[in-house]
PDB file of N, CA and C in Angstrom:
ATOM      1  N   MET A   1      -7.598  15.770  -3.804  1.00  0.00           N
ATOM      2  CA  MET A   1      -7.712  14.385  -3.410  1.00  0.00           C
ATOM      3  C   MET A   1      -6.301  13.777  -3.439  1.00  0.00           C
ATOM      4  N   ASN A   2      -5.905  13.187  -2.326  1.00  0.00           N
ATOM      5  CA  ASN A   2      -4.566  12.616  -2.248  1.00  0.00           C
ATOM      6  C   ASN A   2      -4.596  11.138  -2.655  1.00  0.00           C
ATOM      7  N   ALA A   3      -3.424  10.506  -2.644  1.00  0.00           N
ATOM      8  CA  ALA A   3      -3.321   9.113  -3.089  1.00  0.00           C
ATOM      9  C   ALA A   3      -4.083   8.162  -2.175  1.00  0.00           C
ATOM     10  N   THR A   4      -4.180   8.496  -0.886  1.00  0.00           N
ATOM     11  CA  THR A   4      -4.938   7.639   0.034  1.00  0.00           C
ATOM     12  C   THR A   4      -6.406   7.603  -0.352  1.00  0.00           C
ATOM     13  N   GLN A   5      -6.975   8.761  -0.581  1.00  0.00           N
ATOM     14  CA  GLN A   5      -8.382   8.830  -0.963  1.00  0.00           C
ATOM     15  C   GLN A   5      -8.612   8.194  -2.331  1.00  0.00           C
ATOM     16  N   THR A   6      -7.712   8.451  -3.257  1.00  0.00           N
ATOM     17  CA  THR A   6      -7.836   7.873  -4.589  1.00  0.00           C
ATOM     18  C   THR A   6      -7.741   6.349  -4.537  1.00  0.00           C
ATOM     19  N   GLY A   7      -6.809   5.836  -3.741  1.00  0.00           N
ATOM     20  CA  GLY A   7      -6.665   4.390  -3.607  1.00  0.00           C
ATOM     21  C   GLY A   7      -7.890   3.749  -2.990  1.00  0.00           C
ATOM     22  N   LEU A   8      -8.454   4.411  -1.985  1.00  0.00           N
ATOM     23  CA  LEU A   8      -9.654   3.879  -1.341  1.00  0.00           C
ATOM     24  C   LEU A   8     -10.828   3.852  -2.319  1.00  0.00           C
ATOM     25  N   ILE A   9     -11.024   4.945  -3.032  1.00  0.00           N
ATOM     26  CA  ILE A   9     -12.133   5.015  -3.987  1.00  0.00           C
ATOM     27  C   ILE A   9     -11.944   4.001  -5.118  1.00  0.00           C
ATOM     28  N   ALA A  10     -10.725   3.897  -5.621  1.00  0.00           N
ATOM     29  CA  ALA A  10     -10.459   2.932  -6.690  1.00  0.00           C
ATOM     30  C   ALA A  10     -10.697   1.511  -6.210  1.00  0.00           C
ATOM     31  N   GLY A  11     -10.241   1.203  -5.005  1.00  0.00           N
ATOM     32  CA  GLY A  11     -10.461  -0.135  -4.463  1.00  0.00           C
ATOM     33  C   GLY A  11     -11.931  -0.444  -4.274  1.00  0.00           C
ATOM     34  N   LEU A  12     -12.684   0.528  -3.777  1.00  0.00           N
ATOM     35  CA  LEU A  12     -14.120   0.309  -3.578  1.00  0.00           C
ATOM     36  C   LEU A  12     -14.848   0.131  -4.902  1.00  0.00           C
ATOM     37  N   ILE A  13     -14.483   0.928  -5.890  1.00  0.00           N
ATOM     38  CA  ILE A  13     -15.127   0.805  -7.204  1.00  0.00           C
ATOM     39  C   ILE A  13     -14.823  -0.550  -7.828  1.00  0.00           C
ATOM     40  N   LEU A  14     -13.558  -0.980  -7.737  1.00  0.00           N
ATOM     41  CA  LEU A  14     -13.201  -2.294  -8.267  1.00  0.00           C
ATOM     42  C   LEU A  14     -13.914  -3.407  -7.499  1.00  0.00           C
ATOM     43  N   GLY A  15     -14.038  -3.241  -6.207  1.00  0.00           N
ATOM     44  CA  GLY A  15     -14.735  -4.237  -5.406  1.00  0.00           C
ATOM     45  C   GLY A  15     -16.205  -4.332  -5.760  1.00  0.00           C
ATOM     46  N   ILE A  16     -16.820  -3.196  -5.938  1.00  0.00           N
ATOM     47  CA  ILE A  16     -18.245  -3.183  -6.298  1.00  0.00           C
ATOM     48  C   ILE A  16     -18.437  -3.758  -7.696  1.00  0.00           C
ATOM     49  N   ALA A  17     -17.516  -3.428  -8.607  1.00  0.00           N
ATOM     50  CA  ALA A  17     -17.612  -3.960  -9.959  1.00  0.00           C
ATOM     51  C   ALA A  17     -17.407  -5.476  -9.964  1.00  0.00           C
ATOM     52  N   ALA A  18     -16.528  -5.974  -9.102  1.00  0.00           N
ATOM     53  CA  ALA A  18     -16.256  -7.411  -9.058  1.00  0.00           C
ATOM     54  C   ALA A  18     -17.362  -8.173  -8.344  1.00  0.00           C
ATOM     55  N   ALA A  19     -18.013  -7.521  -7.427  1.00  0.00           N
ATOM     56  CA  ALA A  19     -19.059  -8.185  -6.633  1.00  0.00           C
ATOM     57  C   ALA A  19     -20.415  -8.007  -7.296  1.00  0.00           C
ATOM     58  N   VAL A  20     -21.230  -8.998  -7.182  1.00  0.00           N
ATOM     59  CA  VAL A  20     -22.548  -8.935  -7.812  1.00  0.00           C
ATOM     60  C   VAL A  20     -23.630  -8.609  -6.793  1.00  0.00           C
ATOM     61  N   GLY A  21     -23.266  -8.487  -5.559  1.00  0.00           N
ATOM     62  CA  GLY A  21     -24.231  -8.105  -4.547  1.00  0.00           C
ATOM     63  C   GLY A  21     -24.292  -9.099  -3.406  1.00  0.00           C
ATOM     64  N   GLY A  22     -25.185  -8.818  -2.485  1.00  0.00           N
ATOM     65  CA  GLY A  22     -25.350  -9.674  -1.321  1.00  0.00           C
ATOM     66  C   GLY A  22     -24.243  -9.446  -0.297  1.00  0.00           C
ATOM     67  N   PHE A  23     -24.280 -10.249   0.746  1.00  0.00           N
ATOM     68  CA  PHE A  23     -23.314 -10.091   1.829  1.00  0.00           C
ATOM     69  C   PHE A  23     -21.903 -10.431   1.382  1.00  0.00           C
ATOM     70  N   ILE A  24     -21.761 -11.471   0.555  1.00  0.00           N
ATOM     71  CA  ILE A  24     -20.441 -11.841   0.042  1.00  0.00           C
ATOM     72  C   ILE A  24     -19.894 -10.704  -0.818  1.00  0.00           C
ATOM     73  N   GLY A  25     -20.736 -10.096  -1.615  1.00  0.00           N
ATOM     74  CA  GLY A  25     -20.318  -8.951  -2.425  1.00  0.00           C
ATOM     75  C   GLY A  25     -19.865  -7.788  -1.566  1.00  0.00           C
ATOM     76  N   PHE A  26     -20.567  -7.559  -0.466  1.00  0.00           N
ATOM     77  CA  PHE A  26     -20.169  -6.511   0.467  1.00  0.00           C
ATOM     78  C   PHE A  26     -18.795  -6.802   1.051  1.00  0.00           C
ATOM     79  N   LEU A  27     -18.552  -8.049   1.454  1.00  0.00           N
ATOM     80  CA  LEU A  27     -17.257  -8.409   2.029  1.00  0.00           C
ATOM     81  C   LEU A  27     -16.129  -8.259   1.005  1.00  0.00           C
ATOM     82  N   ILE A  28     -16.391  -8.635  -0.238  1.00  0.00           N
ATOM     83  CA  ILE A  28     -15.388  -8.481  -1.292  1.00  0.00           C
ATOM     84  C   ILE A  28     -15.073  -7.006  -1.512  1.00  0.00           C
ATOM     85  N   ALA A  29     -16.103  -6.170  -1.582  1.00  0.00           N
ATOM     86  CA  ALA A  29     -15.892  -4.736  -1.768  1.00  0.00           C
ATOM     87  C   ALA A  29     -15.130  -4.138  -0.591  1.00  0.00           C
ATOM     88  N   LEU A  30     -15.443  -4.565   0.610  1.00  0.00           N
ATOM     89  CA  LEU A  30     -14.759  -4.073   1.799  1.00  0.00           C
ATOM     90  C   LEU A  30     -13.285  -4.467   1.778  1.00  0.00           C
ATOM     91  N   LEU A  31     -13.001  -5.711   1.449  1.00  0.00           N
ATOM     92  CA  LEU A  31     -11.623  -6.202   1.395  1.00  0.00           C
ATOM     93  C   LEU A  31     -10.808  -5.455   0.345  1.00  0.00           C
ATOM     94  N   ILE A  32     -11.361  -5.302  -0.844  1.00  0.00           N
ATOM     95  CA  ILE A  32     -10.633  -4.609  -1.900  1.00  0.00           C
ATOM     96  C   ILE A  32     -10.491  -3.128  -1.566  1.00  0.00           C
ATOM     97  N   GLY A  33     -11.474  -2.546  -0.897  1.00  0.00           N
ATOM     98  CA  GLY A  33     -11.363  -1.158  -0.454  1.00  0.00           C
ATOM     99  C   GLY A  33     -10.246  -0.962   0.553  1.00  0.00           C
ATOM    100  N   VAL A  34     -10.106  -1.899   1.485  1.00  0.00           N
ATOM    101  CA  VAL A  34      -9.022  -1.818   2.472  1.00  0.00           C
ATOM    102  C   VAL A  34      -7.667  -1.964   1.780  1.00  0.00           C
ATOM    103  N   ILE A  35      -7.583  -2.854   0.808  1.00  0.00           N
ATOM    104  CA  ILE A  35      -6.340  -3.005   0.050  1.00  0.00           C
ATOM    105  C   ILE A  35      -6.005  -1.705  -0.669  1.00  0.00           C
ATOM    106  N   GLY A  36      -6.998  -1.082  -1.276  1.00  0.00           N
ATOM    107  CA  GLY A  36      -6.787   0.205  -1.944  1.00  0.00           C
ATOM    108  C   GLY A  36      -6.354   1.286  -0.971  1.00  0.00           C
ATOM    109  N   LEU A  37      -6.920   1.279   0.223  1.00  0.00           N
ATOM    110  CA  LEU A  37      -6.545   2.251   1.249  1.00  0.00           C
ATOM    111  C   LEU A  37      -5.088   2.074   1.654  1.00  0.00           C
ATOM    112  N   VAL A  38      -4.680   0.826   1.867  1.00  0.00           N
ATOM    113  CA  VAL A  38      -3.292   0.557   2.268  1.00  0.00           C
ATOM    114  C   VAL A  38      -2.329   0.987   1.161  1.00  0.00           C
ATOM    115  N   ILE A  39      -2.641   0.678  -0.079  1.00  0.00           N
ATOM    116  CA  ILE A  39      -1.783   1.070  -1.196  1.00  0.00           C
ATOM    117  C   ILE A  39      -1.693   2.590  -1.284  1.00  0.00           C
ATOM    118  N   GLY A  40      -2.810   3.270  -1.109  1.00  0.00           N
ATOM    119  CA  GLY A  40      -2.802   4.725  -1.133  1.00  0.00           C
ATOM    120  C   GLY A  40      -1.969   5.324  -0.021  1.00  0.00           C
ATOM    121  N   ARG A  41      -2.054   4.756   1.177  1.00  0.00           N
ATOM    122  CA  ARG A  41      -1.248   5.239   2.305  1.00  0.00           C
ATOM    123  C   ARG A  41       0.240   5.032   2.057  1.00  0.00           C
ATOM    124  N   VAL A  42       0.593   3.889   1.464  1.00  0.00           N
ATOM    125  CA  VAL A  42       1.995   3.627   1.148  1.00  0.00           C
ATOM    126  C   VAL A  42       2.484   4.647   0.118  1.00  0.00           C
ATOM    127  N   LEU A  43       1.685   4.931  -0.899  1.00  0.00           N
ATOM    128  CA  LEU A  43       2.072   5.898  -1.916  1.00  0.00           C
ATOM    129  C   LEU A  43       2.189   7.310  -1.352  1.00  0.00           C
ATOM    130  N   ASP A  44       1.376   7.643  -0.352  1.00  0.00           N
ATOM    131  CA  ASP A  44       1.457   8.950   0.307  1.00  0.00           C
ATOM    132  C   ASP A  44       2.629   9.031   1.268  1.00  0.00           C
ATOM    133  N   GLY A  45       3.237   7.910   1.595  1.00  0.00           N
ATOM    134  CA  GLY A  45       4.340   7.888   2.542  1.00  0.00           C
ATOM    135  C   GLY A  45       3.878   7.895   3.988  1.00  0.00           C
ATOM    136  N   GLU A  46       2.599   7.652   4.222  1.00  0.00           N
ATOM    137  CA  GLU A  46       2.059   7.639   5.581  1.00  0.00           C
ATOM    138  C   GLU A  46       2.167   6.269   6.237  1.00  0.00           C
ATOM    139  N   LEU A  47       2.528   5.263   5.454  1.00  0.00           N
ATOM    140  CA  LEU A  47       2.601   3.904   5.964  1.00  0.00           C
ATOM    141  C   LEU A  47       3.796   3.217   5.321  1.00  0.00           C
ATOM    142  N   GLU A  48       4.611   2.585   6.141  1.00  0.00           N
ATOM    143  CA  GLU A  48       5.780   1.866   5.654  1.00  0.00           C
ATOM    144  C   GLU A  48       5.416   0.407   5.414  1.00  0.00           C
ATOM    145  N   ILE A  49       5.897  -0.159   4.332  1.00  0.00           N
ATOM    146  CA  ILE A  49       5.614  -1.554   4.034  1.00  0.00           C
ATOM    147  C   ILE A  49       6.174  -2.459   5.133  1.00  0.00           C
ATOM    148  N   GLY A  50       7.311  -2.078   5.706  1.00  0.00           N
ATOM    149  CA  GLY A  50       7.899  -2.846   6.804  1.00  0.00           C
ATOM    150  C   GLY A  50       6.982  -2.907   8.010  1.00  0.00           C
ATOM    151  N   ASP A  51       6.195  -1.840   8.238  1.00  0.00           N
ATOM    152  CA  ASP A  51       5.236  -1.848   9.345  1.00  0.00           C
ATOM    153  C   ASP A  51       4.147  -2.901   9.116  1.00  0.00           C
ATOM    154  N   ILE A  52       3.729  -3.037   7.873  1.00  0.00           N
ATOM    155  CA  ILE A  52       2.680  -3.997   7.544  1.00  0.00           C
ATOM    156  C   ILE A  52       3.205  -5.421   7.702  1.00  0.00           C
ATOM    157  N   LEU A  53       4.424  -5.645   7.241  1.00  0.00           N
ATOM    158  CA  LEU A  53       4.991  -6.992   7.265  1.00  0.00           C
ATOM    159  C   LEU A  53       5.633  -7.340   8.596  1.00  0.00           C
ATOM    160  N   GLY A  54       5.681  -6.383   9.519  1.00  0.00           N
ATOM    161  CA  GLY A  54       6.214  -6.652  10.838  1.00  0.00           C
ATOM    162  C   GLY A  54       7.718  -6.472  10.944  1.00  0.00           C
ATOM    163  N   ARG A  55       8.309  -5.869   9.940  1.00  0.00           N
ATOM    164  CA  ARG A  55       9.750  -5.627   9.967  1.00  0.00           C
ATOM    165  C   ARG A  55       9.994  -4.135  10.154  1.00  0.00           C
ATOM    166  N   GLY A  56      10.574  -3.783  11.269  1.00  0.00           N
ATOM    167  CA  GLY A  56      10.893  -2.389  11.543  1.00  0.00           C
ATOM    168  C   GLY A  56      12.202  -1.982  10.899  1.00  0.00           C
ATOM    169  N   ARG A  57      12.474  -0.688  10.894  1.00  0.00           N
ATOM    170  CA  ARG A  57      13.730  -0.207  10.314  1.00  0.00           C
ATOM    171  C   ARG A  57      14.923  -0.606  11.160  1.00  0.00           C
ATOM    172  N   ASP A  58      14.778  -0.501  12.497  1.00  0.00           N
ATOM    173  CA  ASP A  58      15.888  -0.866  13.363  1.00  0.00           C
ATOM    174  C   ASP A  58      15.638  -2.251  13.950  1.00  0.00           C
ATOM    175  N   ARG A  59      16.704  -2.988  14.042  1.00  0.00           N
ATOM    176  CA  ARG A  59      16.561  -4.363  14.543  1.00  0.00           C
ATOM    177  C   ARG A  59      17.247  -4.513  15.841  1.00  0.00           C
TER     178      ARG A  59
END
């Protein structure tokens, strides 16, 4: 299991733990899962923070 998968799973677990259920709980879990996925991709080196913020390496 790489950092991307670990980040996604950790984000989803934290989201589910923070949410008490219902549609709002689903949206919270989804949002935190996406955040975990992005963090995992950055740690794996598959995604540059500059790409997320709109700043490329070359100007």
